[in-house]
Amino acid sequence: AARLSEYKLGLKGKIEKANAELAEV
């Protein structure tokens, strides 16, 4: 359950990073 939680947090981080990159476009 803890490993899955980390995985899901990683998904959130990918989207946050993508939005930061899109802000620069």
PDB file of all heavy atoms in Angstrom:
ATOM      1  N   ALA A   1       0.837  -1.203   0.000  1.00  0.00           N
ATOM      2  CA  ALA A   1       0.000   0.000   0.000  1.00  0.00           C
ATOM      3  C   ALA A   1       0.875   1.258   0.000  1.00  0.00           C
ATOM      4  O   ALA A   1       0.577   2.228  -0.711  1.00  0.00           O
ATOM      5  CB  ALA A   1      -0.944  -0.002   1.200  1.00  0.00           C
ATOM      6  N   ALA A   2       1.948   1.241   0.748  1.00  0.00           N
ATOM      7  CA  ALA A   2       2.864   2.388   0.789  1.00  0.00           C
ATOM      8  C   ALA A   2       3.551   2.581  -0.560  1.00  0.00           C
ATOM      9  O   ALA A   2       3.698   3.716  -1.033  1.00  0.00           O
ATOM     10  CB  ALA A   2       3.886   2.197   1.899  1.00  0.00           C
ATOM     11  N   ARG A   3       3.973   1.490  -1.193  1.00  0.00           N
ATOM     12  CA  ARG A   3       4.615   1.599  -2.507  1.00  0.00           C
ATOM     13  C   ARG A   3       3.634   2.139  -3.549  1.00  0.00           C
ATOM     14  O   ARG A   3       4.012   2.964  -4.391  1.00  0.00           O
ATOM     15  CB  ARG A   3       5.190   0.249  -2.939  1.00  0.00           C
ATOM     16  CG  ARG A   3       6.384  -0.191  -2.108  1.00  0.00           C
ATOM     17  CD  ARG A   3       7.116  -1.385  -2.673  1.00  0.00           C
ATOM     18  NE  ARG A   3       6.341  -2.614  -2.783  1.00  0.00           N
ATOM     19  CZ  ARG A   3       6.120  -3.478  -1.787  1.00  0.00           C
ATOM     20  NH1 ARG A   3       6.597  -3.238  -0.577  1.00  0.00           N
ATOM     21  NH2 ARG A   3       5.425  -4.586  -2.012  1.00  0.00           N
ATOM     22  N   LEU A   4       2.388   1.709  -3.477  1.00  0.00           N
ATOM     23  CA  LEU A   4       1.371   2.235  -4.396  1.00  0.00           C
ATOM     24  C   LEU A   4       1.127   3.723  -4.163  1.00  0.00           C
ATOM     25  O   LEU A   4       0.957   4.491  -5.119  1.00  0.00           O
ATOM     26  CB  LEU A   4       0.059   1.472  -4.233  1.00  0.00           C
ATOM     27  CG  LEU A   4      -0.072   0.175  -5.012  1.00  0.00           C
ATOM     28  CD1 LEU A   4      -1.296  -0.597  -4.547  1.00  0.00           C
ATOM     29  CD2 LEU A   4      -0.130   0.433  -6.498  1.00  0.00           C
ATOM     30  N   SER A   5       1.117   4.123  -2.917  1.00  0.00           N
ATOM     31  CA  SER A   5       0.930   5.538  -2.594  1.00  0.00           C
ATOM     32  C   SER A   5       2.065   6.373  -3.191  1.00  0.00           C
ATOM     33  O   SER A   5       1.822   7.441  -3.767  1.00  0.00           O
ATOM     34  CB  SER A   5       0.860   5.713  -1.076  1.00  0.00           C
ATOM     35  OG  SER A   5       0.650   7.057  -0.748  1.00  0.00           O
ATOM     36  N   GLU A   6       3.285   5.887  -3.085  1.00  0.00           N
ATOM     37  CA  GLU A   6       4.436   6.591  -3.681  1.00  0.00           C
ATOM     38  C   GLU A   6       4.297   6.669  -5.197  1.00  0.00           C
ATOM     39  O   GLU A   6       4.600   7.694  -5.799  1.00  0.00           O
ATOM     40  CB  GLU A   6       5.746   5.887  -3.310  1.00  0.00           C
ATOM     41  CG  GLU A   6       6.180   6.116  -1.877  1.00  0.00           C
ATOM     42  CD  GLU A   6       6.497   7.587  -1.604  1.00  0.00           C
ATOM     43  OE1 GLU A   6       7.193   8.226  -2.416  1.00  0.00           O
ATOM     44  OE2 GLU A   6       6.030   8.095  -0.567  1.00  0.00           O
ATOM     45  N   TYR A   7       3.845   5.582  -5.796  1.00  0.00           N
ATOM     46  CA  TYR A   7       3.643   5.570  -7.239  1.00  0.00           C
ATOM     47  C   TYR A   7       2.630   6.642  -7.647  1.00  0.00           C
ATOM     48  O   TYR A   7       2.856   7.404  -8.586  1.00  0.00           O
ATOM     49  CB  TYR A   7       3.167   4.181  -7.698  1.00  0.00           C
ATOM     50  CG  TYR A   7       2.712   4.155  -9.130  1.00  0.00           C
ATOM     51  CD1 TYR A   7       3.632   4.148 -10.174  1.00  0.00           C
ATOM     52  CD2 TYR A   7       1.356   4.161  -9.450  1.00  0.00           C
ATOM     53  CE1 TYR A   7       3.218   4.143 -11.500  1.00  0.00           C
ATOM     54  CE2 TYR A   7       0.933   4.162 -10.772  1.00  0.00           C
ATOM     55  CZ  TYR A   7       1.870   4.148 -11.787  1.00  0.00           C
ATOM     56  OH  TYR A   7       1.448   4.151 -13.094  1.00  0.00           O
ATOM     57  N   LYS A   8       1.514   6.713  -6.919  1.00  0.00           N
ATOM     58  CA  LYS A   8       0.478   7.696  -7.250  1.00  0.00           C
ATOM     59  C   LYS A   8       0.986   9.124  -7.040  1.00  0.00           C
ATOM     60  O   LYS A   8       0.652  10.023  -7.819  1.00  0.00           O
ATOM     61  CB  LYS A   8      -0.788   7.444  -6.418  1.00  0.00           C
ATOM     62  CG  LYS A   8      -1.441   6.098  -6.702  1.00  0.00           C
ATOM     63  CD  LYS A   8      -2.526   6.211  -7.734  1.00  0.00           C
ATOM     64  CE  LYS A   8      -3.163   4.854  -8.008  1.00  0.00           C
ATOM     65  NZ  LYS A   8      -4.589   4.871  -8.058  1.00  0.00           N
ATOM     66  N   LEU A   9       1.797   9.336  -6.012  1.00  0.00           N
ATOM     67  CA  LEU A   9       2.395  10.658  -5.812  1.00  0.00           C
ATOM     68  C   LEU A   9       3.311  11.017  -6.979  1.00  0.00           C
ATOM     69  O   LEU A   9       3.374  12.175  -7.391  1.00  0.00           O
ATOM     70  CB  LEU A   9       3.167  10.712  -4.494  1.00  0.00           C
ATOM     71  CG  LEU A   9       2.329  10.826  -3.231  1.00  0.00           C
ATOM     72  CD1 LEU A   9       3.215  10.706  -1.990  1.00  0.00           C
ATOM     73  CD2 LEU A   9       1.543  12.121  -3.207  1.00  0.00           C
ATOM     74  N   GLY A  10       4.008  10.017  -7.507  1.00  0.00           N
ATOM     75  CA  GLY A  10       4.859  10.235  -8.671  1.00  0.00           C
ATOM     76  C   GLY A  10       4.058  10.666  -9.889  1.00  0.00           C
ATOM     77  O   GLY A  10       4.510  11.507 -10.675  1.00  0.00           O
ATOM     78  N   LEU A  11       2.867  10.105 -10.049  1.00  0.00           N
ATOM     79  CA  LEU A  11       1.999  10.520 -11.159  1.00  0.00           C
ATOM     80  C   LEU A  11       1.618  11.984 -11.015  1.00  0.00           C
ATOM     81  O   LEU A  11       1.618  12.743 -11.986  1.00  0.00           O
ATOM     82  CB  LEU A  11       0.731   9.659 -11.198  1.00  0.00           C
ATOM     83  CG  LEU A  11       0.898   8.179 -11.521  1.00  0.00           C
ATOM     84  CD1 LEU A  11      -0.446   7.468 -11.429  1.00  0.00           C
ATOM     85  CD2 LEU A  11       1.524   7.985 -12.887  1.00  0.00           C
ATOM     86  N   LYS A  12       1.290  12.379  -9.792  1.00  0.00           N
ATOM     87  CA  LYS A  12       0.938  13.772  -9.525  1.00  0.00           C
ATOM     88  C   LYS A  12       2.120  14.682  -9.860  1.00  0.00           C
ATOM     89  O   LYS A  12       1.950  15.729 -10.498  1.00  0.00           O
ATOM     90  CB  LYS A  12       0.553  13.931  -8.047  1.00  0.00           C
ATOM     91  CG  LYS A  12       0.232  15.340  -7.644  1.00  0.00           C
ATOM     92  CD  LYS A  12      -0.058  15.422  -6.148  1.00  0.00           C
ATOM     93  CE  LYS A  12      -0.226  16.852  -5.703  1.00  0.00           C
ATOM     94  NZ  LYS A  12      -0.347  16.974  -4.259  1.00  0.00           N
ATOM     95  N   GLY A  13       3.308  14.281  -9.469  1.00  0.00           N
ATOM     96  CA  GLY A  13       4.502  15.073  -9.744  1.00  0.00           C
ATOM     97  C   GLY A  13       4.755  15.253 -11.229  1.00  0.00           C
ATOM     98  O   GLY A  13       5.185  16.330 -11.673  1.00  0.00           O
ATOM     99  N   LYS A  14       4.479  14.216 -12.020  1.00  0.00           N
ATOM    100  CA  LYS A  14       4.664  14.315 -13.473  1.00  0.00           C
ATOM    101  C   LYS A  14       3.741  15.371 -14.072  1.00  0.00           C
ATOM    102  O   LYS A  14       4.148  16.145 -14.943  1.00  0.00           O
ATOM    103  CB  LYS A  14       4.402  12.964 -14.136  1.00  0.00           C
ATOM    104  CG  LYS A  14       5.502  11.951 -13.903  1.00  0.00           C
ATOM    105  CD  LYS A  14       5.172  10.631 -14.579  1.00  0.00           C
ATOM    106  CE  LYS A  14       6.243   9.612 -14.296  1.00  0.00           C
ATOM    107  NZ  LYS A  14       5.938   8.303 -14.907  1.00  0.00           N
ATOM    108  N   ILE A  15       2.505  15.422 -13.609  1.00  0.00           N
ATOM    109  CA  ILE A  15       1.551  16.412 -14.134  1.00  0.00           C
ATOM    110  C   ILE A  15       1.935  17.813 -13.682  1.00  0.00           C
ATOM    111  O   ILE A  15       1.860  18.775 -14.461  1.00  0.00           O
ATOM    112  CB  ILE A  15       0.114  16.065 -13.710  1.00  0.00           C
ATOM    113  CG1 ILE A  15      -0.320  14.746 -14.347  1.00  0.00           C
ATOM    114  CG2 ILE A  15      -0.864  17.185 -14.061  1.00  0.00           C
ATOM    115  CD1 ILE A  15      -0.304  14.747 -15.869  1.00  0.00           C
ATOM    116  N   GLU A  16       2.364  17.952 -12.432  1.00  0.00           N
ATOM    117  CA  GLU A  16       2.798  19.268 -11.947  1.00  0.00           C
ATOM    118  C   GLU A  16       3.984  19.771 -12.757  1.00  0.00           C
ATOM    119  O   GLU A  16       4.051  20.944 -13.123  1.00  0.00           O
ATOM    120  CB  GLU A  16       3.130  19.198 -10.460  1.00  0.00           C
ATOM    121  CG  GLU A  16       1.885  19.020  -9.593  1.00  0.00           C
ATOM    122  CD  GLU A  16       2.198  18.717  -8.137  1.00  0.00           C
ATOM    123  OE1 GLU A  16       3.371  18.390  -7.809  1.00  0.00           O
ATOM    124  OE2 GLU A  16       1.252  18.785  -7.324  1.00  0.00           O
ATOM    125  N   LYS A  17       4.939  18.885 -13.065  1.00  0.00           N
ATOM    126  CA  LYS A  17       6.097  19.255 -13.874  1.00  0.00           C
ATOM    127  C   LYS A  17       5.655  19.647 -15.284  1.00  0.00           C
ATOM    128  O   LYS A  17       6.132  20.639 -15.846  1.00  0.00           O
ATOM    129  CB  LYS A  17       7.095  18.102 -13.931  1.00  0.00           C
ATOM    130  CG  LYS A  17       8.327  18.420 -14.736  1.00  0.00           C
ATOM    131  CD  LYS A  17       9.287  17.244 -14.789  1.00  0.00           C
ATOM    132  CE  LYS A  17      10.468  17.633 -15.650  1.00  0.00           C
ATOM    133  NZ  LYS A  17      11.097  16.520 -16.303  1.00  0.00           N
ATOM    134  N   ALA A  18       4.727  18.879 -15.854  1.00  0.00           N
ATOM    135  CA  ALA A  18       4.229  19.185 -17.201  1.00  0.00           C
ATOM    136  C   ALA A  18       3.567  20.557 -17.238  1.00  0.00           C
ATOM    137  O   ALA A  18       3.767  21.332 -18.185  1.00  0.00           O
ATOM    138  CB  ALA A  18       3.252  18.107 -17.661  1.00  0.00           C
ATOM    139  N   ASN A  19       2.794  20.895 -16.210  1.00  0.00           N
ATOM    140  CA  ASN A  19       2.148  22.203 -16.169  1.00  0.00           C
ATOM    141  C   ASN A  19       3.159  23.330 -16.029  1.00  0.00           C
ATOM    142  O   ASN A  19       2.990  24.405 -16.615  1.00  0.00           O
ATOM    143  CB  ASN A  19       1.093  22.262 -15.059  1.00  0.00           C
ATOM    144  CG  ASN A  19      -0.248  21.754 -15.536  1.00  0.00           C
ATOM    145  OD1 ASN A  19      -0.623  21.964 -16.672  1.00  0.00           O
ATOM    146  ND2 ASN A  19      -0.952  21.080 -14.666  1.00  0.00           N
ATOM    147  N   ALA A  20       4.206  23.101 -15.261  1.00  0.00           N
ATOM    148  CA  ALA A  20       5.257  24.119 -15.143  1.00  0.00           C
ATOM    149  C   ALA A  20       5.931  24.344 -16.492  1.00  0.00           C
ATOM    150  O   ALA A  20       6.222  25.489 -16.872  1.00  0.00           O
ATOM    151  CB  ALA A  20       6.284  23.697 -14.091  1.00  0.00           C
ATOM    152  N   GLU A  21       6.166  23.272 -17.236  1.00  0.00           N
ATOM    153  CA  GLU A  21       6.769  23.398 -18.564  1.00  0.00           C
ATOM    154  C   GLU A  21       5.814  24.090 -19.538  1.00  0.00           C
ATOM    155  O   GLU A  21       6.240  24.914 -20.355  1.00  0.00           O
ATOM    156  CB  GLU A  21       7.178  22.017 -19.085  1.00  0.00           C
ATOM    157  CG  GLU A  21       8.342  21.418 -18.308  1.00  0.00           C
ATOM    158  CD  GLU A  21       8.598  19.952 -18.648  1.00  0.00           C
ATOM    159  OE1 GLU A  21       7.824  19.354 -19.429  1.00  0.00           O
ATOM    160  OE2 GLU A  21       9.567  19.398 -18.101  1.00  0.00           O
ATOM    161  N   LEU A  22       4.521  23.770 -19.444  1.00  0.00           N
ATOM    162  CA  LEU A  22       3.542  24.426 -20.312  1.00  0.00           C
ATOM    163  C   LEU A  22       3.429  25.917 -20.013  1.00  0.00           C
ATOM    164  O   LEU A  22       3.144  26.714 -20.914  1.00  0.00           O
ATOM    165  CB  LEU A  22       2.169  23.766 -20.166  1.00  0.00           C
ATOM    166  CG  LEU A  22       2.019  22.391 -20.816  1.00  0.00           C
ATOM    167  CD1 LEU A  22       0.693  21.755 -20.414  1.00  0.00           C
ATOM    168  CD2 LEU A  22       2.136  22.499 -22.336  1.00  0.00           C
ATOM    169  N   ALA A  23       3.649  26.297 -18.779  1.00  0.00           N
ATOM    170  CA  ALA A  23       3.589  27.722 -18.413  1.00  0.00           C
ATOM    171  C   ALA A  23       4.673  28.516 -19.139  1.00  0.00           C
ATOM    172  O   ALA A  23       4.518  29.714 -19.368  1.00  0.00           O
ATOM    173  CB  ALA A  23       3.733  27.884 -16.895  1.00  0.00           C
ATOM    174  N   GLU A  24       5.752  27.846 -19.513  1.00  0.00           N
ATOM    175  CA  GLU A  24       6.853  28.506 -20.208  1.00  0.00           C
ATOM    176  C   GLU A  24       6.626  28.600 -21.716  1.00  0.00           C
ATOM    177  O   GLU A  24       7.343  29.315 -22.410  1.00  0.00           O
ATOM    178  CB  GLU A  24       8.168  27.764 -19.926  1.00  0.00           C
ATOM    179  CG  GLU A  24       8.554  27.755 -18.454  1.00  0.00           C
ATOM    180  CD  GLU A  24       8.717  29.148 -17.887  1.00  0.00           C
ATOM    181  OE1 GLU A  24       9.339  30.010 -18.548  1.00  0.00           O
ATOM    182  OE2 GLU A  24       8.189  29.392 -16.780  1.00  0.00           O
ATOM    183  N   VAL A  25       5.654  27.885 -22.237  1.00  0.00           N
ATOM    184  CA  VAL A  25       5.343  27.941 -23.672  1.00  0.00           C
ATOM    185  C   VAL A  25       4.572  29.234 -23.942  1.00  0.00           C
ATOM    186  O   VAL A  25       3.557  29.503 -23.302  1.00  0.00           O
ATOM    187  CB  VAL A  25       4.508  26.703 -24.102  1.00  0.00           C
ATOM    188  CG1 VAL A  25       4.106  26.820 -25.564  1.00  0.00           C
ATOM    189  CG2 VAL A  25       5.287  25.417 -23.855  1.00  0.00           C
TER     190      VAL A  25
END
